[in-house]
Protein backbone atom coordinates (compact mmCIF):
# COMPACT_ATOMS: atom_id res chain seq x y z
CA MET A 1 54.27 59.99 49.97
CA THR A 2 53.27 57.39 47.41
CA GLU A 3 53.04 54.65 50.05
CA THR A 4 50.75 56.87 52.17
CA SER A 5 48.37 57.45 49.24
CA ASN A 6 48.30 53.78 48.29
CA SER A 7 47.76 52.32 51.80
CA PRO A 8 44.11 53.52 52.20
CA ARG A 9 43.26 52.14 48.78
CA THR A 10 44.84 48.78 49.67
CA LEU A 11 42.97 48.65 52.96
CA ARG A 12 39.70 49.58 51.27
CA SER A 13 40.19 46.90 48.63
CA ASP A 14 40.89 44.32 51.33
CA ILE A 15 37.70 45.25 53.15
CA VAL A 16 35.64 45.08 49.96
CA PHE A 17 37.18 41.71 49.09
CA THR A 18 36.40 40.36 52.57
CA PHE A 19 32.76 41.44 52.36
CA ALA A 20 32.46 40.08 48.81
CA LEU A 21 33.92 36.74 49.92
CA ALA A 22 31.55 36.57 52.90
CA LEU A 23 28.58 37.41 50.65
CA ALA A 24 29.64 34.74 48.13
CA CYS A 25 29.92 32.13 50.90
CA TYR A 26 26.48 33.11 52.21
CA LEU A 27 24.91 32.86 48.75
CA ALA A 28 26.64 29.50 48.19
CA TRP A 29 25.14 28.26 51.46
CA LEU A 30 21.67 29.39 50.40
CA ILE A 31 21.86 27.58 47.07
CA ARG A 32 23.95 24.65 48.32
CA GLU A 33 21.42 22.09 47.04
CA VAL A 34 21.62 23.55 43.54
CA LEU A 35 25.42 23.58 43.69
CA VAL A 36 25.46 19.94 44.79
CA LEU A 37 23.15 19.06 41.88
CA LEU A 38 25.44 20.89 39.45
CA TYR A 39 28.53 19.21 40.86
CA VAL A 40 27.05 15.71 40.73
CA SER A 41 25.77 16.27 37.18
CA ALA A 42 29.15 17.62 36.04
CA LEU A 43 30.92 14.68 37.69
CA PHE A 44 28.66 12.15 35.98
CA GLY A 45 29.16 14.02 32.72
CA VAL A 46 32.94 13.70 33.08
CA VAL A 47 32.71 10.01 34.02
CA LEU A 48 30.31 9.11 31.18
CA THR A 49 32.05 11.16 28.48
CA PRO A 50 34.61 8.40 27.64
CA LEU A 51 31.73 5.94 27.21
CA VAL A 52 30.00 8.34 24.81
CA ARG A 53 33.24 8.88 22.91
CA SER A 54 33.81 5.16 22.53
CA THR A 55 30.22 4.71 21.33
CA SER A 56 30.59 7.52 18.81
CA GLY A 57 33.78 5.84 17.54
CA PHE A 58 31.89 2.81 16.22
CA ARG A 59 31.36 2.70 12.49
CA VAL A 60 28.74 0.63 10.66
CA GLY A 61 29.47 0.95 6.95
CA ARG A 62 29.43 4.64 6.23
CA PHE A 63 27.41 5.46 9.31
CA GLN A 64 29.32 6.80 12.32
CA PRO A 65 27.27 8.33 15.14
CA PHE A 66 28.27 11.73 16.47
CA LYS A 67 28.07 12.61 20.15
CA GLY A 68 24.35 13.38 20.23
CA THR A 69 23.48 10.18 18.38
CA ALA A 70 25.73 8.18 20.72
CA ILE A 71 23.89 9.59 23.75
CA PHE A 72 20.56 8.72 22.14
CA LEU A 73 21.71 5.16 21.45
CA LEU A 74 22.90 4.73 25.05
CA LEU A 75 19.60 6.10 26.37
CA LEU A 76 17.71 3.75 24.06
CA ILE A 77 19.70 0.77 25.35
CA ALA A 78 19.08 1.84 28.96
CA ALA A 79 15.36 2.31 28.30
CA GLY A 80 15.17 -1.13 26.67
CA ALA A 81 16.93 -2.71 29.65
CA LEU A 82 14.55 -0.99 32.08
CA ALA A 83 11.54 -2.07 30.02
CA ALA A 84 12.76 -5.67 29.97
CA PHE A 85 13.35 -5.54 33.70
CA GLY A 86 9.86 -4.15 34.28
CA PHE A 87 8.13 -6.79 32.15
CA LEU A 88 10.11 -9.79 33.37
CA ALA A 89 11.03 -9.11 36.98
CA LEU A 90 8.45 -6.76 38.49
CA PRO A 91 5.12 -8.57 37.82
CA PRO A 92 5.80 -11.40 40.35
CA VAL A 93 6.74 -8.85 43.00
CA ILE A 94 3.64 -6.74 42.41
CA ARG A 95 1.39 -9.82 42.33
CA ASP A 96 2.74 -11.11 45.65
CA LEU A 97 2.49 -7.69 47.29
CA GLN A 98 -1.16 -7.40 46.24
CA GLY A 99 -1.87 -10.90 47.53
CA PHE A 100 -0.12 -10.14 50.81
CA ALA A 101 -2.16 -6.94 51.27
CA GLN A 102 -5.40 -8.84 50.65
CA GLU A 103 -4.53 -11.77 52.90
CA MET A 104 -2.99 -9.76 55.75
CA PRO A 105 -6.25 -9.33 57.74
CA THR A 106 -6.91 -13.09 57.64
CA ARG A 107 -3.31 -14.13 58.30
CA LEU A 108 -2.72 -11.81 61.24
CA PRO A 109 -4.61 -13.96 63.81
CA GLY A 110 -2.68 -17.05 62.68
CA LEU A 111 0.63 -15.22 63.03
CA LEU A 112 -0.33 -14.06 66.52
CA GLU A 113 -1.30 -17.61 67.44
CA LYS A 114 2.10 -18.89 66.29
CA LEU A 115 3.66 -16.11 68.32
CA ASN A 116 1.86 -17.33 71.44
CA ASN A 117 3.41 -20.79 71.01
CA LEU A 118 6.94 -19.41 71.17
CA PRO A 119 8.89 -19.59 74.48
CA MET A 120 8.39 -16.60 76.75
CA ALA A 121 5.42 -15.55 74.59
CA GLN A 122 3.06 -15.67 77.56
CA HIS A 123 4.57 -12.41 78.75
CA LEU A 124 3.48 -10.69 75.54
CA ASP A 125 0.14 -8.98 75.06
CA THR A 126 -1.09 -10.12 71.63
CA ALA A 127 -3.97 -7.66 71.64
CA ASP A 128 -1.54 -4.82 72.20
CA ILE A 129 0.69 -6.14 69.41
CA SER A 130 -2.27 -6.32 67.03
CA SER A 131 -3.35 -2.77 67.83
CA ARG A 132 0.21 -1.56 67.40
CA LEU A 133 0.47 -3.25 64.00
CA GLN A 134 -2.77 -1.67 62.84
CA GLY A 135 -1.63 1.71 64.13
CA PHE A 136 1.68 1.28 62.33
CA VAL A 137 -0.10 0.50 59.06
CA SER A 138 -2.32 3.57 59.37
CA GLN A 139 0.63 5.80 60.28
CA ALA A 140 2.61 4.45 57.33
CA ALA A 141 -0.27 5.25 54.98
CA THR A 142 -0.53 8.77 56.43
CA TYR A 143 3.21 9.30 56.11
CA LEU A 144 3.13 8.08 52.51
CA LEU A 145 0.31 10.51 51.73
CA PHE A 146 2.10 13.52 53.19
CA SER A 147 5.45 12.60 51.65
CA ILE A 148 4.15 12.73 48.07
CA SER A 149 5.33 16.34 47.75
CA ASP A 150 8.81 15.39 48.98
CA TRP A 151 8.97 12.53 46.48
CA ALA A 152 7.85 14.91 43.74
CA GLY A 153 10.72 17.25 44.64
CA LYS A 154 13.20 14.37 44.58
CA LEU A 155 11.85 13.25 41.21
CA PHE A 156 12.27 16.79 39.84
CA ASP A 157 15.88 16.88 41.09
CA LEU A 158 16.51 13.50 39.46
CA VAL A 159 15.10 14.65 36.11
CA MET A 160 17.04 17.92 36.25
CA GLY A 161 20.24 16.08 37.16
CA PHE A 162 19.70 13.74 34.22
CA ILE A 163 19.18 16.67 31.82
CA LEU A 164 22.18 18.55 33.21
CA THR A 165 24.36 15.46 32.81
CA ILE A 166 23.43 15.25 29.13
CA TYR A 167 24.22 18.94 28.64
CA PHE A 168 27.56 18.55 30.41
CA ILE A 169 28.41 15.67 28.06
CA LEU A 170 27.41 17.69 24.99
CA GLU A 171 28.80 21.10 25.98
CA GLY A 172 31.24 20.17 28.74
CA ASP A 173 34.28 21.16 26.65
CA HIS A 174 33.06 24.76 26.36
CA ALA A 175 32.33 24.96 30.10
CA TYR A 176 35.73 23.44 30.83
CA ARG A 177 37.59 25.95 28.67
CA TRP A 178 35.61 28.78 30.24
CA PHE A 179 36.62 27.53 33.69
CA LEU A 180 40.30 27.37 32.72
CA SER A 181 40.16 30.94 31.40
CA PHE A 182 40.01 32.25 34.99
CA PHE A 183 43.59 31.10 35.59
CA PRO A 184 46.80 32.65 34.23
CA HIS A 185 48.27 30.95 31.19
CA GLU A 186 51.26 29.41 33.01
CA ARG A 187 48.99 27.91 35.70
CA ARG A 188 46.27 26.98 33.23
CA GLU A 189 48.38 24.42 31.41
CA ARG A 190 49.41 22.68 34.63
CA LEU A 191 45.84 22.53 35.91
CA ASP A 192 44.62 21.26 32.53
CA LYS A 193 47.07 18.35 32.58
CA ALA A 194 46.12 17.46 36.16
CA LEU A 195 42.40 17.49 35.39
CA GLN A 196 42.94 15.39 32.28
CA ARG A 197 44.71 12.78 34.41
CA ALA A 198 41.78 12.86 36.83
CA GLU A 199 39.34 12.36 33.95
CA ILE A 200 41.25 9.30 32.75
CA ARG A 201 41.24 7.77 36.22
CA MET A 202 37.53 8.50 36.64
CA GLY A 203 36.80 6.74 33.37
CA LYS A 204 38.83 3.77 34.57
CA TRP A 205 36.83 3.81 37.81
CA LEU A 206 33.59 3.57 35.83
CA LEU A 207 34.93 0.62 33.85
CA GLY A 208 36.16 -1.15 36.96
CA GLN A 209 32.97 -0.48 38.91
CA GLY A 210 30.89 -1.69 35.98
CA SER A 211 32.92 -4.91 35.89
CA LEU A 212 32.33 -5.53 39.61
CA MET A 213 28.61 -4.79 39.22
CA LEU A 214 28.31 -7.22 36.30
CA ILE A 215 30.20 -9.99 38.12
CA LEU A 216 28.11 -9.66 41.29
CA GLY A 217 24.83 -9.36 39.37
CA VAL A 218 25.45 -12.49 37.26
CA THR A 219 26.78 -14.67 40.09
CA SER A 220 24.04 -13.64 42.53
CA THR A 221 21.33 -14.32 39.93
CA ILE A 222 22.74 -17.80 39.31
CA VAL A 223 22.79 -18.49 43.06
CA TYR A 224 19.24 -17.15 43.53
CA LEU A 225 17.97 -19.35 40.70
CA SER A 226 19.75 -22.44 42.01
CA LEU A 227 18.28 -21.89 45.50
CA HIS A 228 14.83 -21.16 44.03
CA ILE A 229 14.65 -17.74 45.67
CA ARG A 230 11.62 -15.63 44.90
CA TYR A 231 12.12 -12.76 42.45
CA ALA A 232 15.54 -14.15 41.49
CA TYR A 233 15.90 -11.97 38.40
CA ALA A 234 14.75 -8.79 40.15
CA LEU A 235 17.05 -9.42 43.11
CA GLY A 236 19.96 -10.20 40.80
CA VAL A 237 19.56 -6.98 38.84
CA LEU A 238 19.17 -4.90 42.01
CA THR A 239 22.20 -6.59 43.54
CA GLY A 240 24.32 -5.65 40.55
CA LEU A 241 23.02 -2.09 40.34
CA LEU A 242 23.29 -1.32 44.05
CA ASN A 243 26.89 -2.49 44.04
CA ILE A 244 27.77 0.86 42.45
CA VAL A 245 27.67 2.25 46.01
CA PRO A 246 30.67 0.71 47.79
CA VAL A 247 29.99 -1.19 51.05
CA LEU A 248 26.52 0.33 51.55
CA GLY A 249 25.17 -1.15 48.33
CA ALA A 250 26.41 -4.63 49.24
CA ALA A 251 24.90 -4.33 52.74
CA VAL A 252 21.48 -3.40 51.32
CA CYS A 253 21.67 -6.28 48.82
CA ILE A 254 22.50 -8.80 51.54
CA ALA A 255 19.70 -7.60 53.82
CA LEU A 256 17.13 -7.61 51.02
CA ALA A 257 18.07 -11.07 49.76
CA LEU A 258 18.04 -12.55 53.26
CA LEU A 259 14.65 -11.00 53.96
CA VAL A 260 13.13 -12.48 50.80
CA ALA A 261 14.70 -15.88 51.46
CA ALA A 262 13.35 -15.90 55.02
CA ILE A 263 9.80 -15.93 53.62
CA ASP A 264 10.25 -19.51 52.40
CA SER A 265 12.84 -21.34 54.50
CA TRP A 266 15.83 -20.83 56.77
CA GLY A 267 17.84 -23.20 54.60
CA ARG A 268 17.73 -20.69 51.76
CA VAL A 269 18.76 -17.96 54.17
CA LEU A 270 21.78 -20.05 55.14
CA GLY A 271 22.60 -20.65 51.48
CA ILE A 272 22.54 -16.94 50.65
CA ALA A 273 24.59 -16.13 53.74
CA ILE A 274 27.25 -18.68 52.75
CA PHE A 275 27.32 -17.31 49.19
CA TYR A 276 27.84 -13.71 50.33
CA VAL A 277 30.52 -14.67 52.84
CA ILE A 278 32.47 -16.49 50.11
CA TYR A 279 31.87 -13.78 47.48
CA LEU A 280 32.90 -10.91 49.75
CA GLN A 281 36.13 -12.72 50.55
CA VAL A 282 36.84 -13.27 46.86
CA GLU A 283 35.90 -9.69 45.95
CA ASN A 284 37.93 -8.04 48.71
CA SER A 285 41.01 -10.25 48.32
CA TYR A 286 41.11 -10.84 44.56
CA LEU A 287 38.63 -8.90 42.41
CA THR A 288 38.81 -5.42 43.95
CA PRO A 289 42.63 -5.27 44.25
CA ARG A 290 43.07 -6.46 40.66
CA ILE A 291 40.28 -4.39 39.09
CA MET A 292 39.98 -1.19 41.15
CA LYS A 293 43.53 -0.80 42.44
CA ASN A 294 45.05 -0.90 38.98
CA ARG A 295 42.42 1.49 37.58
CA VAL A 296 41.69 3.98 40.36
CA ASP A 297 45.09 3.79 42.13
CA LEU A 298 43.64 4.65 45.54
CA PRO A 299 44.31 2.79 48.79
CA GLY A 300 41.40 1.06 50.47
CA LEU A 301 41.54 3.44 53.44
CA ALA A 302 41.11 6.46 51.17
CA ILE A 303 38.08 4.87 49.49
CA LEU A 304 36.52 4.04 52.87
CA VAL A 305 37.09 7.57 54.23
CA ALA A 306 35.62 9.07 51.05
CA LEU A 307 32.59 6.81 51.37
CA VAL A 308 31.99 7.80 55.01
CA LEU A 309 32.34 11.52 54.25
CA GLY A 310 30.17 11.35 51.16
CA SER A 311 27.37 9.43 52.88
CA ALA A 312 27.50 11.80 55.87
CA LEU A 313 27.19 14.88 53.65
CA GLU A 314 24.67 13.76 51.02
CA GLY A 315 23.50 10.26 51.94
CA VAL A 316 23.29 7.74 49.12
CA LEU A 317 24.07 10.36 46.47
CA GLY A 318 27.20 11.40 48.32
CA ALA A 319 28.31 7.78 48.65
CA LEU A 320 27.70 7.30 44.94
CA VAL A 321 30.07 10.10 43.90
CA SER A 322 32.53 9.65 46.77
CA VAL A 323 35.10 7.56 44.88
CA PRO A 324 35.28 9.80 41.74
CA THR A 325 35.56 12.82 44.03
CA ALA A 326 38.35 11.10 45.95
CA VAL A 327 40.13 10.46 42.64
CA LEU A 328 39.86 14.16 41.72
CA VAL A 329 41.11 15.30 45.14
CA ALA A 330 43.98 12.78 45.05
CA VAL A 331 45.16 14.01 41.65
CA LEU A 332 45.06 17.68 42.71
CA LEU A 333 46.84 16.96 45.99
CA ASP A 334 49.48 14.96 44.18
CA GLU A 335 50.00 17.79 41.69
CA TYR A 336 50.10 20.80 44.03
CA PHE A 337 50.86 19.65 47.56
CA VAL A 338 52.83 16.38 47.51
CA HIS A 339 56.61 16.98 47.49
CA LYS A 340 58.18 14.12 45.58
CA ASP A 341 61.77 13.02 45.90
CA ALA A 342 64.15 13.80 43.10
CA ALA A 343 64.74 10.10 42.47
């Protein structure tokens, strides 16, 4: 009799739970962009928290910065670096772009004339090429005008992500404890230990990735200066910064450097190509195994799969957080799903 009275209640609760789960999934799909922003901000907060802690551990006399002061000092250093980059590296680029825009109408006939002297160029219609170039320029200007609203939205997301990251660094411990409170006590302790291991490995990933970025940025700047490449300092800084995105960042750096070098001479293009071939061999065979393998403890295949999935889901942003996410997933899988031998 008791089983008969309890079975309708159990069935009703299952139906309510199913509808509630479907509604939650639908709402999550509607606000998926906000959830991605929260996840990325929380992930950056976790990754940058060890850096803030180490900064707050410095002591100058009796002065020791607390967490908020440490964040302010790091932001001040970053702002100073950006200001120095803007004053030293950007003016030559802006000056050359303005000169190119002013001289383009007068240089276009000369470029078309050189094009006519190339083999098989007699089969090309230079007038059609000129009209297509002018149409492309006008379409690019129109596209830039209509995409201002999209860029404004991206800028707002960037600012909000930056603010959320700071809040996660300052108040992440409270949010973390609140998250753990949803689990029973016996499961809470196990999950806490697993997430702490993931946090340590993420911090090591940041240190290792920063080392690779610094090495590539310094060596590429030295090579650019020795080859007398235009915008050597700007290209060197961008090369180091973009290396935070595995594989894709290096590909963009190579393409950009080769394009700038092609403006002056093919010999410089060859020099940059030789440098990147040698550096990629050294990085893949020596630097990455010694720096990233010992810190992240992920096989190269797992990093590549994470990069492909992250870039497919969220583009550059997904590729940027793909490795820390892979570290988190690897730790949770190792804790809850991998059956280890007794030995």
